[in-house]
């Protein structure tokens, strides 16, 4: 029986990774902070948030991707997961069955939505109350925040319309099959990464977190 290969792509800045750093060689820690000096560490410039890390991994391994890649931030216990590789087992099982994990959340993005849903509105970054939060709390440059409406960016970069109900991998934690990733050419991922290289917290980083399900064409 064929055993599917699995790799963990971990995006780290300054988080404690002791829970994962000593695990097998199929764990890659992409580090944008102080060097850890662990065998499975790869240093990257501190740009583009975790989206830049994920895209870098895809581009550099495009022709040798494992059957399943688990994409995750280094700190996950504030997103409902335990700091344990076994926390990803359900995502991997779903990926084996469906080609992608099913931990996405369906958000109603009605323009009149309130509270948390507003953060996923078609033009969330253009809303004054959200724009100021992005600028001050996430260190996104004020000019970055409002340079393009999210819905326009989404259509231009995924090919989909940003409709009323959308599927979002909250916090950018998900598992994806090689087949799903390869539905897009390598050049596509390069074009996305190029948008993330000029700032440590570009607005496109927030756009990407809301778009992974469609980047990998999980609707098809």
C-alpha atoms as a PDB file:
ATOM      1  CA  UNK A   1       0.000   0.000   0.000  1.00  0.00           C
ATOM      2  CA  UNK A   2       1.368   3.392  -1.010  1.00  0.00           C
ATOM      3  CA  UNK A   3       2.283   5.627   1.930  1.00  0.00           C
ATOM      4  CA  UNK A   4       1.682   9.281   1.119  1.00  0.00           C
ATOM      5  CA  UNK A   5       4.585  11.601   1.875  1.00  0.00           C
ATOM      6  CA  UNK A   6       3.909  14.483   4.257  1.00  0.00           C
ATOM      7  CA  UNK A   7       5.822  17.696   4.907  1.00  0.00           C
ATOM      8  CA  UNK A   8       5.217  20.469   7.428  1.00  0.00           C
ATOM      9  CA  UNK A   9       5.918  24.041   6.324  1.00  0.00           C
ATOM     10  CA  UNK A  10       6.232  26.152   9.482  1.00  0.00           C
ATOM     11  CA  UNK A  11       6.316  29.966   9.336  1.00  0.00           C
ATOM     12  CA  UNK A  12       8.228  31.369  12.307  1.00  0.00           C
ATOM     13  CA  UNK A  13       9.242  34.870  13.423  1.00  0.00           C
ATOM     14  CA  UNK A  14       9.981  34.867  17.171  1.00  0.00           C
ATOM     15  CA  UNK A  15       7.676  32.116  18.462  1.00  0.00           C
ATOM     16  CA  UNK A  16       8.758  29.187  20.630  1.00  0.00           C
ATOM     17  CA  UNK A  17       9.091  26.178  18.335  1.00  0.00           C
ATOM     18  CA  UNK A  18      10.373  23.652  20.859  1.00  0.00           C
ATOM     19  CA  UNK A  19       7.152  21.688  20.330  1.00  0.00           C
ATOM     20  CA  UNK A  20       8.047  21.041  16.712  1.00  0.00           C
ATOM     21  CA  UNK A  21      11.768  21.738  16.183  1.00  0.00           C
ATOM     22  CA  UNK A  22      12.940  18.333  17.375  1.00  0.00           C
ATOM     23  CA  UNK A  23      10.483  16.392  15.250  1.00  0.00           C
ATOM     24  CA  UNK A  24      11.342  14.455  12.072  1.00  0.00           C
ATOM     25  CA  UNK A  25      13.110  15.731   9.001  1.00  0.00           C
ATOM     26  CA  UNK A  26       9.792  16.312   7.247  1.00  0.00           C
ATOM     27  CA  UNK A  27       9.344  19.459   9.358  1.00  0.00           C
ATOM     28  CA  UNK A  28      10.807  22.614   7.797  1.00  0.00           C
ATOM     29  CA  UNK A  29      10.976  25.710   9.971  1.00  0.00           C
ATOM     30  CA  UNK A  30      11.213  28.838   7.847  1.00  0.00           C
ATOM     31  CA  UNK A  31      12.655  31.372  10.249  1.00  0.00           C
ATOM     32  CA  UNK A  32      12.386  35.146   9.845  1.00  0.00           C
ATOM     33  CA  UNK A  33      13.646  35.951  13.336  1.00  0.00           C
ATOM     34  CA  UNK A  34      16.704  35.128  15.436  1.00  0.00           C
ATOM     35  CA  UNK A  35      18.551  32.026  14.292  1.00  0.00           C
ATOM     36  CA  UNK A  36      17.610  28.859  16.202  1.00  0.00           C
ATOM     37  CA  UNK A  37      20.493  26.662  15.034  1.00  0.00           C
ATOM     38  CA  UNK A  38      18.329  23.599  14.573  1.00  0.00           C
ATOM     39  CA  UNK A  39      18.851  21.137  11.691  1.00  0.00           C
ATOM     40  CA  UNK A  40      15.505  21.769  10.000  1.00  0.00           C
ATOM     41  CA  UNK A  41      15.786  25.569   9.940  1.00  0.00           C
ATOM     42  CA  UNK A  42      15.787  27.702   6.793  1.00  0.00           C
ATOM     43  CA  UNK A  43      16.363  31.450   7.143  1.00  0.00           C
ATOM     44  CA  UNK A  44      14.239  33.931   5.201  1.00  0.00           C
ATOM     45  CA  UNK A  45      14.046  37.745   5.143  1.00  0.00           C
ATOM     46  CA  UNK A  46      11.323  39.176   7.359  1.00  0.00           C
ATOM     47  CA  UNK A  47       8.870  40.170   4.662  1.00  0.00           C
ATOM     48  CA  UNK A  48       5.365  39.189   3.657  1.00  0.00           C
ATOM     49  CA  UNK A  49       4.119  37.444   6.818  1.00  0.00           C
ATOM     50  CA  UNK A  50       3.401  33.691   6.669  1.00  0.00           C
ATOM     51  CA  UNK A  51       2.034  33.987   3.123  1.00  0.00           C
ATOM     52  CA  UNK A  52       5.495  34.798   1.784  1.00  0.00           C
ATOM     53  CA  UNK A  53       6.845  31.736   3.616  1.00  0.00           C
ATOM     54  CA  UNK A  54       4.220  29.398   2.191  1.00  0.00           C
ATOM     55  CA  UNK A  55       4.734  30.684  -1.339  1.00  0.00           C
ATOM     56  CA  UNK A  56       8.508  30.423  -0.990  1.00  0.00           C
ATOM     57  CA  UNK A  57       8.138  26.771  -0.001  1.00  0.00           C
ATOM     58  CA  UNK A  58       5.882  26.035  -2.965  1.00  0.00           C
ATOM     59  CA  UNK A  59       8.154  27.777  -5.463  1.00  0.00           C
ATOM     60  CA  UNK A  60      11.383  26.201  -4.213  1.00  0.00           C
ATOM     61  CA  UNK A  61       9.838  22.728  -4.065  1.00  0.00           C
ATOM     62  CA  UNK A  62       7.413  22.928  -6.957  1.00  0.00           C
ATOM     63  CA  UNK A  63       8.905  19.935  -8.792  1.00  0.00           C
ATOM     64  CA  UNK A  64       9.452  17.853  -5.642  1.00  0.00           C
ATOM     65  CA  UNK A  65       6.465  18.569  -3.423  1.00  0.00           C
ATOM     66  CA  UNK A  66       5.384  15.922  -0.959  1.00  0.00           C
ATOM     67  CA  UNK A  67       1.970  14.356  -1.492  1.00  0.00           C
ATOM     68  CA  UNK A  68       0.597  16.468   1.366  1.00  0.00           C
ATOM     69  CA  UNK A  69       1.945  19.722   2.779  1.00  0.00           C
ATOM     70  CA  UNK A  70       0.736  21.074   6.104  1.00  0.00           C
ATOM     71  CA  UNK A  71       1.069  24.858   6.182  1.00  0.00           C
ATOM     72  CA  UNK A  72       1.108  26.418   9.627  1.00  0.00           C
ATOM     73  CA  UNK A  73       2.285  29.299  11.740  1.00  0.00           C
ATOM     74  CA  UNK A  74       4.740  28.474  14.520  1.00  0.00           C
ATOM     75  CA  UNK A  75       2.284  29.414  17.251  1.00  0.00           C
ATOM     76  CA  UNK A  76      -1.016  27.586  16.955  1.00  0.00           C
ATOM     77  CA  UNK A  77      -2.303  27.273  20.525  1.00  0.00           C
ATOM     78  CA  UNK A  78      -4.014  30.648  20.203  1.00  0.00           C
ATOM     79  CA  UNK A  79      -5.984  29.311  17.229  1.00  0.00           C
ATOM     80  CA  UNK A  80      -7.618  26.318  18.893  1.00  0.00           C
ATOM     81  CA  UNK A  81      -4.814  23.801  18.321  1.00  0.00           C
ATOM     82  CA  UNK A  82      -2.484  22.105  20.783  1.00  0.00           C
ATOM     83  CA  UNK A  83       1.254  22.500  20.321  1.00  0.00           C
ATOM     84  CA  UNK A  84       1.626  18.945  19.086  1.00  0.00           C
ATOM     85  CA  UNK A  85       2.147  17.588  15.571  1.00  0.00           C
ATOM     86  CA  UNK A  86      -0.778  15.245  16.215  1.00  0.00           C
ATOM     87  CA  UNK A  87      -3.004  18.326  16.165  1.00  0.00           C
ATOM     88  CA  UNK A  88      -2.686  18.200  12.377  1.00  0.00           C
ATOM     89  CA  UNK A  89      -3.751  14.557  12.004  1.00  0.00           C
ATOM     90  CA  UNK A  90      -7.356  15.431  11.202  1.00  0.00           C
ATOM     91  CA  UNK A  91      -6.227  17.932   8.551  1.00  0.00           C
ATOM     92  CA  UNK A  92      -3.990  15.304   6.971  1.00  0.00           C
ATOM     93  CA  UNK A  93      -6.779  12.721   6.979  1.00  0.00           C
ATOM     94  CA  UNK A  94      -9.125  15.182   5.284  1.00  0.00           C
ATOM     95  CA  UNK A  95      -6.459  16.037   2.732  1.00  0.00           C
ATOM     96  CA  UNK A  96      -6.029  12.358   1.878  1.00  0.00           C
ATOM     97  CA  UNK A  97      -9.765  12.094   1.229  1.00  0.00           C
ATOM     98  CA  UNK A  98     -10.533  15.403  -0.467  1.00  0.00           C
ATOM     99  CA  UNK A  99      -7.224  16.853  -1.648  1.00  0.00           C
ATOM    100  CA  UNK A 100      -7.392  19.653   0.920  1.00  0.00           C
ATOM    101  CA  UNK A 101      -8.227  20.007   4.599  1.00  0.00           C
ATOM    102  CA  UNK A 102     -11.776  20.877   5.588  1.00  0.00           C
ATOM    103  CA  UNK A 103     -10.955  23.254   8.446  1.00  0.00           C
ATOM    104  CA  UNK A 104     -12.049  26.250   6.398  1.00  0.00           C
ATOM    105  CA  UNK A 105     -14.765  28.477   7.810  1.00  0.00           C
ATOM    106  CA  UNK A 106     -17.632  29.719   5.665  1.00  0.00           C
ATOM    107  CA  UNK A 107     -18.063  33.448   6.167  1.00  0.00           C
ATOM    108  CA  UNK A 108     -21.013  35.527   5.037  1.00  0.00           C
ATOM    109  CA  UNK A 109     -19.465  38.644   3.555  1.00  0.00           C
ATOM    110  CA  UNK A 110     -22.611  40.655   3.049  1.00  0.00           C
ATOM    111  CA  UNK A 111     -21.600  44.299   2.774  1.00  0.00           C
ATOM    112  CA  UNK A 112     -23.962  45.063   5.651  1.00  0.00           C
ATOM    113  CA  UNK A 113     -22.432  42.467   7.990  1.00  0.00           C
ATOM    114  CA  UNK A 114     -21.271  43.660  11.387  1.00  0.00           C
ATOM    115  CA  UNK A 115     -18.736  42.755  14.069  1.00  0.00           C
ATOM    116  CA  UNK A 116     -16.205  40.038  13.154  1.00  0.00           C
ATOM    117  CA  UNK A 117     -17.689  39.507   9.697  1.00  0.00           C
ATOM    118  CA  UNK A 118     -16.693  43.036   8.769  1.00  0.00           C
ATOM    119  CA  UNK A 119     -13.063  41.879   8.733  1.00  0.00           C
ATOM    120  CA  UNK A 120     -13.954  39.673   5.762  1.00  0.00           C
ATOM    121  CA  UNK A 121     -16.082  42.205   3.879  1.00  0.00           C
ATOM    122  CA  UNK A 122     -15.332  42.610   0.158  1.00  0.00           C
ATOM    123  CA  UNK A 123     -13.515  45.885   0.823  1.00  0.00           C
ATOM    124  CA  UNK A 124     -12.589  45.321   4.477  1.00  0.00           C
ATOM    125  CA  UNK A 125      -9.308  47.185   4.190  1.00  0.00           C
ATOM    126  CA  UNK A 126     -11.089  50.295   2.917  1.00  0.00           C
ATOM    127  CA  UNK A 127     -13.402  50.515   5.939  1.00  0.00           C
ATOM    128  CA  UNK A 128     -12.120  53.219   8.343  1.00  0.00           C
ATOM    129  CA  UNK A 129     -12.547  51.115  11.488  1.00  0.00           C
ATOM    130  CA  UNK A 130     -10.690  48.156   9.948  1.00  0.00           C
ATOM    131  CA  UNK A 131      -8.048  50.216   8.169  1.00  0.00           C
ATOM    132  CA  UNK A 132      -6.951  51.895  11.391  1.00  0.00           C
ATOM    133  CA  UNK A 133      -6.763  48.523  13.159  1.00  0.00           C
ATOM    134  CA  UNK A 134      -4.612  47.045  10.400  1.00  0.00           C
ATOM    135  CA  UNK A 135      -2.356  50.082  10.442  1.00  0.00           C
ATOM    136  CA  UNK A 136      -1.779  50.281  14.188  1.00  0.00           C
ATOM    137  CA  UNK A 137      -2.180  46.701  15.423  1.00  0.00           C
ATOM    138  CA  UNK A 138      -0.530  44.854  12.548  1.00  0.00           C
ATOM    139  CA  UNK A 139       2.095  47.433  11.592  1.00  0.00           C
ATOM    140  CA  UNK A 140       0.807  47.691   8.048  1.00  0.00           C
ATOM    141  CA  UNK A 141       1.861  50.992   6.521  1.00  0.00           C
ATOM    142  CA  UNK A 142      -1.125  53.331   6.180  1.00  0.00           C
ATOM    143  CA  UNK A 143      -0.475  53.703   2.450  1.00  0.00           C
ATOM    144  CA  UNK A 144      -0.380  49.916   2.098  1.00  0.00           C
ATOM    145  CA  UNK A 145      -3.741  49.390   3.788  1.00  0.00           C
ATOM    146  CA  UNK A 146      -5.903  51.230   1.291  1.00  0.00           C
ATOM    147  CA  UNK A 147      -3.997  50.904  -1.963  1.00  0.00           C
ATOM    148  CA  UNK A 148      -6.471  48.433  -3.553  1.00  0.00           C
ATOM    149  CA  UNK A 149      -9.878  47.075  -2.480  1.00  0.00           C
ATOM    150  CA  UNK A 150      -9.625  43.450  -1.414  1.00  0.00           C
ATOM    151  CA  UNK A 151     -12.448  42.286  -3.707  1.00  0.00           C
ATOM    152  CA  UNK A 152     -10.603  43.706  -6.726  1.00  0.00           C
ATOM    153  CA  UNK A 153      -7.319  42.095  -5.672  1.00  0.00           C
ATOM    154  CA  UNK A 154      -9.109  38.791  -5.036  1.00  0.00           C
ATOM    155  CA  UNK A 155     -10.594  38.629  -8.535  1.00  0.00           C
ATOM    156  CA  UNK A 156      -7.348  39.709 -10.193  1.00  0.00           C
ATOM    157  CA  UNK A 157      -5.259  37.125  -8.351  1.00  0.00           C
ATOM    158  CA  UNK A 158      -7.543  34.093  -7.977  1.00  0.00           C
ATOM    159  CA  UNK A 159      -9.839  34.390 -10.978  1.00  0.00           C
ATOM    160  CA  UNK A 160     -12.921  34.131  -8.754  1.00  0.00           C
ATOM    161  CA  UNK A 161     -15.540  36.679  -7.782  1.00  0.00           C
ATOM    162  CA  UNK A 162     -15.620  37.429  -4.051  1.00  0.00           C
ATOM    163  CA  UNK A 163     -19.176  36.253  -3.433  1.00  0.00           C
ATOM    164  CA  UNK A 164     -21.436  36.406  -0.401  1.00  0.00           C
ATOM    165  CA  UNK A 165     -20.353  33.117   1.208  1.00  0.00           C
ATOM    166  CA  UNK A 166     -16.635  32.383   1.091  1.00  0.00           C
ATOM    167  CA  UNK A 167     -14.420  29.673   2.564  1.00  0.00           C
ATOM    168  CA  UNK A 168     -11.467  30.914   4.579  1.00  0.00           C
ATOM    169  CA  UNK A 169      -8.600  29.072   6.262  1.00  0.00           C
ATOM    170  CA  UNK A 170      -8.513  31.222   9.374  1.00  0.00           C
ATOM    171  CA  UNK A 171      -4.974  31.973  10.615  1.00  0.00           C
ATOM    172  CA  UNK A 172      -3.505  30.374   7.500  1.00  0.00           C
ATOM    173  CA  UNK A 173      -3.432  26.822   8.899  1.00  0.00           C
ATOM    174  CA  UNK A 174      -4.330  24.080   6.413  1.00  0.00           C
ATOM    175  CA  UNK A 175      -3.177  20.947   4.586  1.00  0.00           C
ATOM    176  CA  UNK A 176      -3.017  20.785   0.805  1.00  0.00           C
ATOM    177  CA  UNK A 177      -2.316  17.985  -1.655  1.00  0.00           C
ATOM    178  CA  UNK A 178       0.383  18.209  -4.289  1.00  0.00           C
ATOM    179  CA  UNK A 179      -2.295  17.790  -6.960  1.00  0.00           C
ATOM    180  CA  UNK A 180      -4.184  20.856  -5.681  1.00  0.00           C
ATOM    181  CA  UNK A 181      -1.042  22.971  -5.546  1.00  0.00           C
ATOM    182  CA  UNK A 182      -0.048  21.942  -9.065  1.00  0.00           C
ATOM    183  CA  UNK A 183      -3.341  23.143 -10.534  1.00  0.00           C
ATOM    184  CA  UNK A 184      -1.525  26.474 -10.828  1.00  0.00           C
ATOM    185  CA  UNK A 185       1.776  26.961 -12.669  1.00  0.00           C
ATOM    186  CA  UNK A 186       4.903  27.887 -10.749  1.00  0.00           C
ATOM    187  CA  UNK A 187       4.850  31.338 -12.316  1.00  0.00           C
ATOM    188  CA  UNK A 188       1.515  32.030 -10.660  1.00  0.00           C
ATOM    189  CA  UNK A 189       2.990  31.519  -7.201  1.00  0.00           C
ATOM    190  CA  UNK A 190       5.999  33.639  -8.121  1.00  0.00           C
ATOM    191  CA  UNK A 191       3.680  36.497  -9.092  1.00  0.00           C
ATOM    192  CA  UNK A 192       1.936  36.256  -5.717  1.00  0.00           C
ATOM    193  CA  UNK A 193       5.207  36.165  -3.800  1.00  0.00           C
ATOM    194  CA  UNK A 194       6.482  39.216  -5.664  1.00  0.00           C
ATOM    195  CA  UNK A 195       3.650  41.214  -4.109  1.00  0.00           C
ATOM    196  CA  UNK A 196       4.842  40.319  -0.609  1.00  0.00           C
ATOM    197  CA  UNK A 197       8.534  41.168  -0.795  1.00  0.00           C
ATOM    198  CA  UNK A 198       8.577  44.890  -0.009  1.00  0.00           C
ATOM    199  CA  UNK A 199       7.139  45.079   3.518  1.00  0.00           C
ATOM    200  CA  UNK A 200       7.170  42.948   6.663  1.00  0.00           C
ATOM    201  CA  UNK A 201       3.378  43.230   6.883  1.00  0.00           C
ATOM    202  CA  UNK A 202       1.978  44.126   3.445  1.00  0.00           C
ATOM    203  CA  UNK A 203      -1.768  44.345   3.014  1.00  0.00           C
ATOM    204  CA  UNK A 204      -1.469  41.486   0.521  1.00  0.00           C
ATOM    205  CA  UNK A 205      -0.467  39.263   3.438  1.00  0.00           C
ATOM    206  CA  UNK A 206      -3.930  39.767   4.904  1.00  0.00           C
ATOM    207  CA  UNK A 207      -5.464  39.297   1.467  1.00  0.00           C
ATOM    208  CA  UNK A 208      -3.682  35.960   1.057  1.00  0.00           C
ATOM    209  CA  UNK A 209      -4.941  34.629   4.393  1.00  0.00           C
ATOM    210  CA  UNK A 210      -8.471  35.151   3.098  1.00  0.00           C
ATOM    211  CA  UNK A 211      -7.740  33.590  -0.298  1.00  0.00           C
ATOM    212  CA  UNK A 212      -5.881  30.280   0.083  1.00  0.00           C
ATOM    213  CA  UNK A 213      -8.977  28.153  -0.569  1.00  0.00           C
ATOM    214  CA  UNK A 214      -9.292  29.819  -3.976  1.00  0.00           C
ATOM    215  CA  UNK A 215      -5.587  30.081  -4.725  1.00  0.00           C
ATOM    216  CA  UNK A 216      -5.559  26.262  -4.732  1.00  0.00           C
ATOM    217  CA  UNK A 217      -8.902  26.002  -6.558  1.00  0.00           C
ATOM    218  CA  UNK A 218     -10.507  23.960  -3.798  1.00  0.00           C
ATOM    219  CA  UNK A 219     -13.943  24.743  -5.219  1.00  0.00           C
ATOM    220  CA  UNK A 220     -13.250  22.550  -8.260  1.00  0.00           C
END
